[in-house]
Amino acid sequence: MVIIALSTKNKVEFVNGTTPQPSETDPSLSHWTRYNNNMVSSWLVQSVSVRIHQSIIWMDRVDIWNDLKASFSQMDLSRIFDL
């Protein structure tokens, strides 16, 4: 569901790391940071429960994404069987 929301805003590349951060001398760095890094991080943090929110609030967007992906992309075969 998060991928769909990010995709509609053309922001998936910012969470999966395929859009690199501009260099420190690039004039677009502040724009990139505000509209892409901070916005995407905020969306990710606000889309999870309070318990998870507290563990990712201080991470950057790629770390948040990787943490959430690692936590929630693993298949739990016994849970799937129960469903």
PDB file of N, CA and C in Angstrom:
ATOM      1  N   MET A   1       0.810  -1.182   0.000  1.00  0.00           N
ATOM      2  CA  MET A   1       0.000   0.000   0.000  1.00  0.00           C
ATOM      3  C   MET A   1       0.860   1.255   0.000  1.00  0.00           C
ATOM      4  N   VAL A   2       1.964   1.243   0.737  1.00  0.00           N
ATOM      5  CA  VAL A   2       2.846   2.402   0.779  1.00  0.00           C
ATOM      6  C   VAL A   2       3.461   2.642  -0.595  1.00  0.00           C
ATOM      7  N   ILE A   3       3.827   1.569  -1.281  1.00  0.00           N
ATOM      8  CA  ILE A   3       4.402   1.719  -2.629  1.00  0.00           C
ATOM      9  C   ILE A   3       3.417   2.420  -3.547  1.00  0.00           C
ATOM     10  N   ILE A   4       2.157   2.076  -3.450  1.00  0.00           N
ATOM     11  CA  ILE A   4       1.141   2.707  -4.297  1.00  0.00           C
ATOM     12  C   ILE A   4       1.057   4.199  -3.991  1.00  0.00           C
ATOM     13  N   ALA A   5       1.024   4.543  -2.717  1.00  0.00           N
ATOM     14  CA  ALA A   5       0.951   5.954  -2.336  1.00  0.00           C
ATOM     15  C   ALA A   5       2.176   6.717  -2.798  1.00  0.00           C
ATOM     16  N   LEU A   6       3.348   6.135  -2.623  1.00  0.00           N
ATOM     17  CA  LEU A   6       4.569   6.806  -3.061  1.00  0.00           C
ATOM     18  C   LEU A   6       4.650   6.888  -4.580  1.00  0.00           C
ATOM     19  N   SER A   7       4.174   5.871  -5.244  1.00  0.00           N
ATOM     20  CA  SER A   7       4.197   5.856  -6.705  1.00  0.00           C
ATOM     21  C   SER A   7       3.323   6.958  -7.293  1.00  0.00           C
ATOM     22  N   THR A   8       2.180   7.210  -6.679  1.00  0.00           N
ATOM     23  CA  THR A   8       1.298   8.259  -7.206  1.00  0.00           C
ATOM     24  C   THR A   8       1.937   9.635  -7.096  1.00  0.00           C
ATOM     25  N   LYS A   9       2.883   9.784  -6.193  1.00  0.00           N
ATOM     26  CA  LYS A   9       3.593  11.054  -6.016  1.00  0.00           C
ATOM     27  C   LYS A   9       4.968  11.040  -6.682  1.00  0.00           C
ATOM     28  N   ASN A  10       5.267   9.971  -7.441  1.00  0.00           N
ATOM     29  CA  ASN A  10       6.580   9.806  -8.085  1.00  0.00           C
ATOM     30  C   ASN A  10       7.723   9.872  -7.071  1.00  0.00           C
ATOM     31  N   LYS A  11       7.562   9.186  -5.953  1.00  0.00           N
ATOM     32  CA  LYS A  11       8.553   9.231  -4.882  1.00  0.00           C
ATOM     33  C   LYS A  11       9.169   7.874  -4.552  1.00  0.00           C
ATOM     34  N   VAL A  12       8.808   6.818  -5.255  1.00  0.00           N
ATOM     35  CA  VAL A  12       9.345   5.492  -4.946  1.00  0.00           C
ATOM     36  C   VAL A  12      10.868   5.487  -5.047  1.00  0.00           C
ATOM     37  N   GLU A  13      11.402   6.184  -6.028  1.00  0.00           N
ATOM     38  CA  GLU A  13      12.851   6.212  -6.236  1.00  0.00           C
ATOM     39  C   GLU A  13      13.597   6.824  -5.055  1.00  0.00           C
ATOM     40  N   PHE A  14      12.914   7.640  -4.283  1.00  0.00           N
ATOM     41  CA  PHE A  14      13.568   8.271  -3.143  1.00  0.00           C
ATOM     42  C   PHE A  14      13.657   7.337  -1.951  1.00  0.00           C
ATOM     43  N   VAL A  15      12.782   6.364  -1.850  1.00  0.00           N
ATOM     44  CA  VAL A  15      12.869   5.421  -0.739  1.00  0.00           C
ATOM     45  C   VAL A  15      13.722   4.223  -1.075  1.00  0.00           C
ATOM     46  N   ASN A  16      13.779   3.853  -2.332  1.00  0.00           N
ATOM     47  CA  ASN A  16      14.589   2.678  -2.665  1.00  0.00           C
ATOM     48  C   ASN A  16      16.030   3.048  -2.998  1.00  0.00           C
ATOM     49  N   GLY A  17      16.344   4.337  -2.950  1.00  0.00           N
ATOM     50  CA  GLY A  17      17.729   4.777  -3.110  1.00  0.00           C
ATOM     51  C   GLY A  17      18.207   4.947  -4.534  1.00  0.00           C
ATOM     52  N   THR A  18      17.337   4.796  -5.537  1.00  0.00           N
ATOM     53  CA  THR A  18      17.777   4.938  -6.924  1.00  0.00           C
ATOM     54  C   THR A  18      17.916   6.393  -7.354  1.00  0.00           C
ATOM     55  N   THR A  19      17.371   7.327  -6.575  1.00  0.00           N
ATOM     56  CA  THR A  19      17.586   8.749  -6.831  1.00  0.00           C
ATOM     57  C   THR A  19      18.552   9.249  -5.770  1.00  0.00           C
ATOM     58  N   PRO A  20      19.811   9.436  -6.138  1.00  0.00           N
ATOM     59  CA  PRO A  20      20.809   9.818  -5.138  1.00  0.00           C
ATOM     60  C   PRO A  20      20.652  11.270  -4.693  1.00  0.00           C
ATOM     61  N   GLN A  21      21.138  11.529  -3.511  1.00  0.00           N
ATOM     62  CA  GLN A  21      21.127  12.888  -2.982  1.00  0.00           C
ATOM     63  C   GLN A  21      22.115  13.732  -3.777  1.00  0.00           C
ATOM     64  N   PRO A  22      21.747  14.951  -4.152  1.00  0.00           N
ATOM     65  CA  PRO A  22      22.681  15.839  -4.847  1.00  0.00           C
ATOM     66  C   PRO A  22      23.886  16.155  -3.961  1.00  0.00           C
ATOM     67  N   SER A  23      24.965  16.554  -4.573  1.00  0.00           N
ATOM     68  CA  SER A  23      26.175  16.892  -3.823  1.00  0.00           C
ATOM     69  C   SER A  23      25.940  18.149  -2.981  1.00  0.00           C
ATOM     70  N   GLU A  24      26.817  18.357  -2.024  1.00  0.00           N
ATOM     71  CA  GLU A  24      26.701  19.509  -1.118  1.00  0.00           C
ATOM     72  C   GLU A  24      26.790  20.837  -1.866  1.00  0.00           C
ATOM     73  N   THR A  25      27.416  20.854  -3.028  1.00  0.00           N
ATOM     74  CA  THR A  25      27.569  22.094  -3.793  1.00  0.00           C
ATOM     75  C   THR A  25      26.455  22.306  -4.818  1.00  0.00           C
ATOM     76  N   ASP A  26      25.604  21.319  -4.980  1.00  0.00           N
ATOM     77  CA  ASP A  26      24.510  21.415  -5.951  1.00  0.00           C
ATOM     78  C   ASP A  26      23.439  22.366  -5.427  1.00  0.00           C
ATOM     79  N   PRO A  27      23.045  23.374  -6.211  1.00  0.00           N
ATOM     80  CA  PRO A  27      22.029  24.323  -5.751  1.00  0.00           C
ATOM     81  C   PRO A  27      20.662  23.684  -5.472  1.00  0.00           C
ATOM     82  N   SER A  28      20.417  22.516  -6.025  1.00  0.00           N
ATOM     83  CA  SER A  28      19.122  21.865  -5.819  1.00  0.00           C
ATOM     84  C   SER A  28      19.069  21.041  -4.536  1.00  0.00           C
ATOM     85  N   LEU A  29      20.150  21.009  -3.767  1.00  0.00           N
ATOM     86  CA  LEU A  29      20.196  20.177  -2.563  1.00  0.00           C
ATOM     87  C   LEU A  29      19.099  20.539  -1.559  1.00  0.00           C
ATOM     88  N   SER A  30      18.894  21.815  -1.295  1.00  0.00           N
ATOM     89  CA  SER A  30      17.879  22.187  -0.293  1.00  0.00           C
ATOM     90  C   SER A  30      16.476  21.817  -0.772  1.00  0.00           C
ATOM     91  N   HIS A  31      16.218  21.984  -2.055  1.00  0.00           N
ATOM     92  CA  HIS A  31      14.920  21.586  -2.621  1.00  0.00           C
ATOM     93  C   HIS A  31      14.735  20.081  -2.510  1.00  0.00           C
ATOM     94  N   TRP A  32      15.756  19.332  -2.881  1.00  0.00           N
ATOM     95  CA  TRP A  32      15.714  17.873  -2.820  1.00  0.00           C
ATOM     96  C   TRP A  32      15.470  17.411  -1.386  1.00  0.00           C
ATOM     97  N   THR A  33      16.188  18.018  -0.447  1.00  0.00           N
ATOM     98  CA  THR A  33      16.063  17.628   0.958  1.00  0.00           C
ATOM     99  C   THR A  33      14.666  17.900   1.481  1.00  0.00           C
ATOM    100  N   ARG A  34      14.150  19.073   1.200  1.00  0.00           N
ATOM    101  CA  ARG A  34      12.839  19.454   1.727  1.00  0.00           C
ATOM    102  C   ARG A  34      11.714  18.659   1.086  1.00  0.00           C
ATOM    103  N   TYR A  35      11.686  18.598  -0.231  1.00  0.00           N
ATOM    104  CA  TYR A  35      10.539  18.011  -0.912  1.00  0.00           C
ATOM    105  C   TYR A  35      10.623  16.514  -1.115  1.00  0.00           C
ATOM    106  N   ASN A  36      11.800  15.981  -1.083  1.00  0.00           N
ATOM    107  CA  ASN A  36      11.913  14.550  -1.334  1.00  0.00           C
ATOM    108  C   ASN A  36      12.307  13.783  -0.087  1.00  0.00           C
ATOM    109  N   ASN A  37      13.414  14.128   0.493  1.00  0.00           N
ATOM    110  CA  ASN A  37      13.854  13.394   1.670  1.00  0.00           C
ATOM    111  C   ASN A  37      12.902  13.602   2.844  1.00  0.00           C
ATOM    112  N   ASN A  38      12.647  14.832   3.221  1.00  0.00           N
ATOM    113  CA  ASN A  38      11.814  15.108   4.394  1.00  0.00           C
ATOM    114  C   ASN A  38      10.361  14.705   4.175  1.00  0.00           C
ATOM    115  N   MET A  39       9.817  14.994   3.011  1.00  0.00           N
ATOM    116  CA  MET A  39       8.420  14.656   2.744  1.00  0.00           C
ATOM    117  C   MET A  39       8.203  13.149   2.743  1.00  0.00           C
ATOM    118  N   VAL A  40       9.071  12.443   2.062  1.00  0.00           N
ATOM    119  CA  VAL A  40       8.940  10.985   1.997  1.00  0.00           C
ATOM    120  C   VAL A  40       9.150  10.372   3.378  1.00  0.00           C
ATOM    121  N   SER A  41      10.130  10.860   4.113  1.00  0.00           N
ATOM    122  CA  SER A  41      10.350  10.349   5.474  1.00  0.00           C
ATOM    123  C   SER A  41       9.114  10.575   6.326  1.00  0.00           C
ATOM    124  N   SER A  42       8.523  11.743   6.226  1.00  0.00           N
ATOM    125  CA  SER A  42       7.311  12.055   6.985  1.00  0.00           C
ATOM    126  C   SER A  42       6.167  11.123   6.609  1.00  0.00           C
ATOM    127  N   TRP A  43       5.972  10.901   5.327  1.00  0.00           N
ATOM    128  CA  TRP A  43       4.909   9.990   4.884  1.00  0.00           C
ATOM    129  C   TRP A  43       5.104   8.604   5.459  1.00  0.00           C
ATOM    130  N   LEU A  44       6.353   8.116   5.396  1.00  0.00           N
ATOM    131  CA  LEU A  44       6.630   6.774   5.900  1.00  0.00           C
ATOM    132  C   LEU A  44       6.385   6.688   7.405  1.00  0.00           C
ATOM    133  N   VAL A  45       6.890   7.653   8.142  1.00  0.00           N
ATOM    134  CA  VAL A  45       6.742   7.644   9.597  1.00  0.00           C
ATOM    135  C   VAL A  45       5.269   7.742   9.992  1.00  0.00           C
ATOM    136  N   GLN A  46       4.516   8.572   9.307  1.00  0.00           N
ATOM    137  CA  GLN A  46       3.109   8.757   9.646  1.00  0.00           C
ATOM    138  C   GLN A  46       2.219   7.590   9.225  1.00  0.00           C
ATOM    139  N   SER A  47       2.738   6.703   8.402  1.00  0.00           N
ATOM    140  CA  SER A  47       1.914   5.601   7.907  1.00  0.00           C
ATOM    141  C   SER A  47       2.010   4.336   8.762  1.00  0.00           C
ATOM    142  N   VAL A  48       2.757   4.385   9.836  1.00  0.00           N
ATOM    143  CA  VAL A  48       2.931   3.196  10.685  1.00  0.00           C
ATOM    144  C   VAL A  48       2.343   3.435  12.074  1.00  0.00           C
ATOM    145  N   SER A  49       2.234   2.375  12.836  1.00  0.00           N
ATOM    146  CA  SER A  49       1.700   2.483  14.201  1.00  0.00           C
ATOM    147  C   SER A  49       2.657   3.280  15.087  1.00  0.00           C
ATOM    148  N   VAL A  50       2.164   3.725  16.216  1.00  0.00           N
ATOM    149  CA  VAL A  50       2.968   4.525  17.141  1.00  0.00           C
ATOM    150  C   VAL A  50       4.200   3.759  17.607  1.00  0.00           C
ATOM    151  N   ARG A  51       4.043   2.491  17.865  1.00  0.00           N
ATOM    152  CA  ARG A  51       5.173   1.672  18.332  1.00  0.00           C
ATOM    153  C   ARG A  51       6.290   1.640  17.299  1.00  0.00           C
ATOM    154  N   ILE A  52       5.927   1.433  16.044  1.00  0.00           N
ATOM    155  CA  ILE A  52       6.920   1.401  14.968  1.00  0.00           C
ATOM    156  C   ILE A  52       7.448   2.814  14.719  1.00  0.00           C
ATOM    157  N   HIS A  53       6.566   3.773  14.775  1.00  0.00           N
ATOM    158  CA  HIS A  53       6.913   5.182  14.573  1.00  0.00           C
ATOM    159  C   HIS A  53       8.079   5.576  15.475  1.00  0.00           C
ATOM    160  N   GLN A  54       8.030   5.171  16.735  1.00  0.00           N
ATOM    161  CA  GLN A  54       9.070   5.541  17.701  1.00  0.00           C
ATOM    162  C   GLN A  54      10.423   4.933  17.354  1.00  0.00           C
ATOM    163  N   SER A  55      10.428   3.814  16.670  1.00  0.00           N
ATOM    164  CA  SER A  55      11.706   3.176  16.348  1.00  0.00           C
ATOM    165  C   SER A  55      12.331   3.700  15.056  1.00  0.00           C
ATOM    166  N   ILE A  56      11.557   4.408  14.235  1.00  0.00           N
ATOM    167  CA  ILE A  56      12.106   4.879  12.956  1.00  0.00           C
ATOM    168  C   ILE A  56      12.159   6.395  12.815  1.00  0.00           C
ATOM    169  N   ILE A  57      11.641   7.113  13.783  1.00  0.00           N
ATOM    170  CA  ILE A  57      11.479   8.562  13.660  1.00  0.00           C
ATOM    171  C   ILE A  57      12.786   9.289  13.362  1.00  0.00           C
ATOM    172  N   TRP A  58      13.902   8.828  13.840  1.00  0.00           N
ATOM    173  CA  TRP A  58      15.170   9.543  13.647  1.00  0.00           C
ATOM    174  C   TRP A  58      16.015   8.980  12.514  1.00  0.00           C
ATOM    175  N   MET A  59      15.491   8.040  11.767  1.00  0.00           N
ATOM    176  CA  MET A  59      16.230   7.476  10.629  1.00  0.00           C
ATOM    177  C   MET A  59      16.028   8.345   9.387  1.00  0.00           C
ATOM    178  N   ASP A  60      16.955   8.201   8.429  1.00  0.00           N
ATOM    179  CA  ASP A  60      16.716   8.883   7.151  1.00  0.00           C
ATOM    180  C   ASP A  60      15.830   8.002   6.284  1.00  0.00           C
ATOM    181  N   ARG A  61      15.356   8.533   5.173  1.00  0.00           N
ATOM    182  CA  ARG A  61      14.334   7.869   4.371  1.00  0.00           C
ATOM    183  C   ARG A  61      14.744   6.499   3.882  1.00  0.00           C
ATOM    184  N   VAL A  62      15.976   6.315   3.457  1.00  0.00           N
ATOM    185  CA  VAL A  62      16.411   5.006   2.946  1.00  0.00           C
ATOM    186  C   VAL A  62      16.478   3.999   4.085  1.00  0.00           C
ATOM    187  N   ASP A  63      16.971   4.420   5.243  1.00  0.00           N
ATOM    188  CA  ASP A  63      17.031   3.519   6.399  1.00  0.00           C
ATOM    189  C   ASP A  63      15.634   3.148   6.876  1.00  0.00           C
ATOM    190  N   ILE A  64      14.716   4.126   6.873  1.00  0.00           N
ATOM    191  CA  ILE A  64      13.323   3.835   7.246  1.00  0.00           C
ATOM    192  C   ILE A  64      12.763   2.785   6.304  1.00  0.00           C
ATOM    193  N   TRP A  65      12.933   3.023   5.008  1.00  0.00           N
ATOM    194  CA  TRP A  65      12.393   2.101   4.003  1.00  0.00           C
ATOM    195  C   TRP A  65      12.992   0.709   4.171  1.00  0.00           C
ATOM    196  N   ASN A  66      14.301   0.620   4.317  1.00  0.00           N
ATOM    197  CA  ASN A  66      14.949  -0.681   4.452  1.00  0.00           C
ATOM    198  C   ASN A  66      14.511  -1.400   5.721  1.00  0.00           C
ATOM    199  N   ASP A  67      14.352  -0.650   6.807  1.00  0.00           N
ATOM    200  CA  ASP A  67      13.894  -1.245   8.065  1.00  0.00           C
ATOM    201  C   ASP A  67      12.472  -1.790   7.921  1.00  0.00           C
ATOM    202  N   LEU A  68      11.584  -0.988   7.354  1.00  0.00           N
ATOM    203  CA  LEU A  68      10.199  -1.432   7.164  1.00  0.00           C
ATOM    204  C   LEU A  68      10.122  -2.608   6.193  1.00  0.00           C
ATOM    205  N   LYS A  69      10.902  -2.531   5.134  1.00  0.00           N
ATOM    206  CA  LYS A  69      10.907  -3.613   4.150  1.00  0.00           C
ATOM    207  C   LYS A  69      11.388  -4.921   4.787  1.00  0.00           C
ATOM    208  N   ALA A  70      12.462  -4.838   5.558  1.00  0.00           N
ATOM    209  CA  ALA A  70      12.991  -6.043   6.213  1.00  0.00           C
ATOM    210  C   ALA A  70      11.997  -6.603   7.220  1.00  0.00           C
ATOM    211  N   SER A  71      11.311  -5.720   7.919  1.00  0.00           N
ATOM    212  CA  SER A  71      10.365  -6.169   8.944  1.00  0.00           C
ATOM    213  C   SER A  71       9.096  -6.780   8.374  1.00  0.00           C
ATOM    214  N   PHE A  72       8.614  -6.217   7.262  1.00  0.00           N
ATOM    215  CA  PHE A  72       7.292  -6.607   6.790  1.00  0.00           C
ATOM    216  C   PHE A  72       7.269  -7.379   5.484  1.00  0.00           C
ATOM    217  N   SER A  73       8.412  -7.616   4.889  1.00  0.00           N
ATOM    218  CA  SER A  73       8.387  -8.361   3.636  1.00  0.00           C
ATOM    219  C   SER A  73       8.672  -9.844   3.828  1.00  0.00           C
ATOM    220  N   GLN A  74       8.985 -10.238   5.042  1.00  0.00           N
ATOM    221  CA  GLN A  74       9.252 -11.641   5.310  1.00  0.00           C
ATOM    222  C   GLN A  74       7.937 -12.399   5.419  1.00  0.00           C
ATOM    223  N   MET A  75       7.909 -13.542   4.796  1.00  0.00           N
ATOM    224  CA  MET A  75       6.699 -14.356   4.862  1.00  0.00           C
ATOM    225  C   MET A  75       6.684 -15.166   6.143  1.00  0.00           C
ATOM    226  N   ASP A  76       5.572 -15.148   6.775  1.00  0.00           N
ATOM    227  CA  ASP A  76       5.334 -15.956   7.961  1.00  0.00           C
ATOM    228  C   ASP A  76       4.395 -17.083   7.518  1.00  0.00           C
ATOM    229  N   LEU A  77       4.966 -18.228   7.176  1.00  0.00           N
ATOM    230  CA  LEU A  77       4.176 -19.326   6.601  1.00  0.00           C
ATOM    231  C   LEU A  77       3.066 -19.798   7.532  1.00  0.00           C
ATOM    232  N   SER A  78       3.331 -19.807   8.850  1.00  0.00           N
ATOM    233  CA  SER A  78       2.267 -20.252   9.761  1.00  0.00           C
ATOM    234  C   SER A  78       1.129 -19.252   9.786  1.00  0.00           C
ATOM    235  N   ARG A  79       1.453 -17.969   9.693  1.00  0.00           N
ATOM    236  CA  ARG A  79       0.378 -16.950   9.646  1.00  0.00           C
ATOM    237  C   ARG A  79      -0.404 -17.067   8.339  1.00  0.00           C
ATOM    238  N   ILE A  80       0.284 -17.275   7.243  1.00  0.00           N
ATOM    239  CA  ILE A  80      -0.389 -17.434   5.949  1.00  0.00           C
ATOM    240  C   ILE A  80      -1.312 -18.635   5.996  1.00  0.00           C
ATOM    241  N   PHE A  81      -0.840 -19.731   6.602  1.00  0.00           N
ATOM    242  CA  PHE A  81      -1.661 -20.926   6.717  1.00  0.00           C
ATOM    243  C   PHE A  81      -2.923 -20.636   7.521  1.00  0.00           C
ATOM    244  N   ASP A  82      -2.775 -19.882   8.613  1.00  0.00           N
ATOM    245  CA  ASP A  82      -3.937 -19.527   9.447  1.00  0.00           C
ATOM    246  C   ASP A  82      -4.944 -18.686   8.673  1.00  0.00           C
ATOM    247  N   LEU A  83      -4.460 -17.838   7.807  1.00  0.00           N
ATOM    248  CA  LEU A  83      -5.370 -16.998   7.038  1.00  0.00           C
ATOM    249  C   LEU A  83      -6.161 -17.843   6.056  1.00  0.00           C
TER     250      LEU A  83
END
